[in-house]
Amino acid sequence: MGCRQRDSRSTLLRVVAASGGDVLLVDEQRRLPGRGAWLHLSSACLDLAEKRRAFPRALRRPGPLDTSGVRSFLVRSARAVVSTTTDENGSNS
């Protein structure tokens, strides 16, 4: 969504607007009701989506939406990937 690149659903993250609120939620199971927006698992893609103000348009919501939950999810998932692919010496396992 942010970078406008197409990709398979398995590599994208679905986000939805919380019902009655202006907060974006990460839909890990891809089952939450409502319109969803698809995003790559990178902070760069999120930054582009925020800069372009793409979330309100894609989700058909007025005004800005709080993306802090999505950003913290991306940071946590990036840390998990780094910690599982390198050992204590920094080499790949």
Protein backbone atom coordinates (compact mmCIF):
# COMPACT_ATOMS: atom_id res chain seq x y z
CA MET A 1 0.00 0.00 0.00
CA GLY A 2 2.70 2.47 0.93
CA CYS A 3 5.18 1.49 -1.74
CA ARG A 4 2.44 0.53 -4.24
CA GLN A 5 4.20 -2.76 -5.05
CA ARG A 6 2.13 -5.90 -5.52
CA ASP A 7 3.09 -9.03 -3.64
CA SER A 8 1.57 -12.31 -2.50
CA ARG A 9 -0.79 -12.19 0.46
CA SER A 10 1.51 -14.38 2.51
CA THR A 11 4.18 -11.65 2.54
CA LEU A 12 1.83 -8.78 3.37
CA LEU A 13 0.39 -7.54 6.65
CA ARG A 14 -3.32 -6.70 6.90
CA VAL A 15 -4.34 -3.72 9.00
CA VAL A 16 -7.87 -2.58 9.85
CA ALA A 17 -9.31 0.44 11.60
CA ALA A 18 -10.68 -0.30 15.06
CA SER A 19 -14.46 -0.16 15.14
CA GLY A 20 -15.56 3.28 16.19
CA GLY A 21 -12.02 4.56 16.59
CA ASP A 22 -9.14 6.13 14.76
CA VAL A 23 -6.58 3.45 15.63
CA LEU A 24 -5.13 0.93 13.21
CA LEU A 25 -4.97 -2.68 14.34
CA VAL A 26 -2.74 -5.43 12.97
CA ASP A 27 -4.86 -8.32 11.74
CA GLU A 28 -2.42 -11.22 12.06
CA GLN A 29 -5.07 -13.89 11.49
CA ARG A 30 -6.66 -11.92 8.61
CA ARG A 31 -10.09 -12.40 10.12
CA LEU A 32 -11.10 -9.05 11.65
CA PRO A 33 -14.24 -7.50 10.15
CA GLY A 34 -14.21 -4.42 7.99
CA ARG A 35 -12.10 -3.04 5.20
CA GLY A 36 -8.46 -3.94 5.34
CA ALA A 37 -5.33 -2.37 3.95
CA TRP A 38 -2.30 -4.45 2.97
CA LEU A 39 1.23 -3.43 3.84
CA HIS A 40 4.70 -4.93 3.45
CA LEU A 41 6.44 -5.96 6.65
CA SER A 42 8.80 -2.99 6.60
CA SER A 43 8.88 0.36 8.31
CA ALA A 44 9.74 1.99 4.98
CA CYS A 45 6.43 0.89 3.49
CA LEU A 46 4.58 2.19 6.56
CA ASP A 47 6.44 5.51 6.32
CA LEU A 48 5.40 5.89 2.68
CA ALA A 49 1.78 5.06 3.48
CA GLU A 50 1.74 7.69 6.24
CA LYS A 51 3.40 10.27 4.02
CA ARG A 52 0.88 9.67 1.23
CA ARG A 53 -2.02 9.63 3.74
CA ALA A 54 -3.07 6.32 2.22
CA PHE A 55 -4.72 4.70 5.25
CA PRO A 56 -7.75 7.01 5.50
CA ARG A 57 -8.38 6.62 1.76
CA ALA A 58 -7.95 2.85 1.70
CA LEU A 59 -10.06 2.28 4.79
CA ARG A 60 -12.58 5.01 3.94
CA ARG A 61 -12.16 6.80 7.24
CA PRO A 62 -12.08 10.57 7.70
CA GLY A 63 -9.04 12.17 9.24
CA PRO A 64 -5.69 10.75 10.29
CA LEU A 65 -5.36 7.31 11.85
CA ASP A 66 -3.03 6.31 14.70
CA THR A 67 -0.39 3.95 13.31
CA SER A 68 1.66 3.50 16.50
CA GLY A 69 0.39 -0.06 17.04
CA VAL A 70 1.37 -1.07 13.53
CA ARG A 71 4.81 0.53 13.90
CA SER A 72 5.49 -1.28 17.20
CA PHE A 73 4.40 -4.58 15.61
CA LEU A 74 6.84 -4.05 12.73
CA VAL A 75 9.67 -3.25 15.16
CA ARG A 76 8.93 -6.37 17.23
CA SER A 77 8.74 -8.61 14.17
CA ALA A 78 12.02 -7.19 12.80
CA ARG A 79 13.74 -7.92 16.13
CA ALA A 80 12.37 -11.47 16.12
CA VAL A 81 13.76 -12.10 12.64
CA VAL A 82 17.19 -10.76 13.59
CA SER A 83 17.37 -12.74 16.82
CA THR A 84 16.47 -16.03 15.12
CA THR A 85 18.89 -15.70 12.23
CA THR A 86 22.09 -14.76 14.08
CA ASP A 87 23.84 -16.30 17.04
CA GLU A 88 25.60 -14.48 19.88
CA ASN A 89 28.71 -13.90 17.73
CA GLY A 90 26.63 -12.30 14.98
CA SER A 91 27.07 -15.10 12.49
CA ASN A 92 24.19 -16.87 10.80
CA SER A 93 23.11 -20.15 12.29
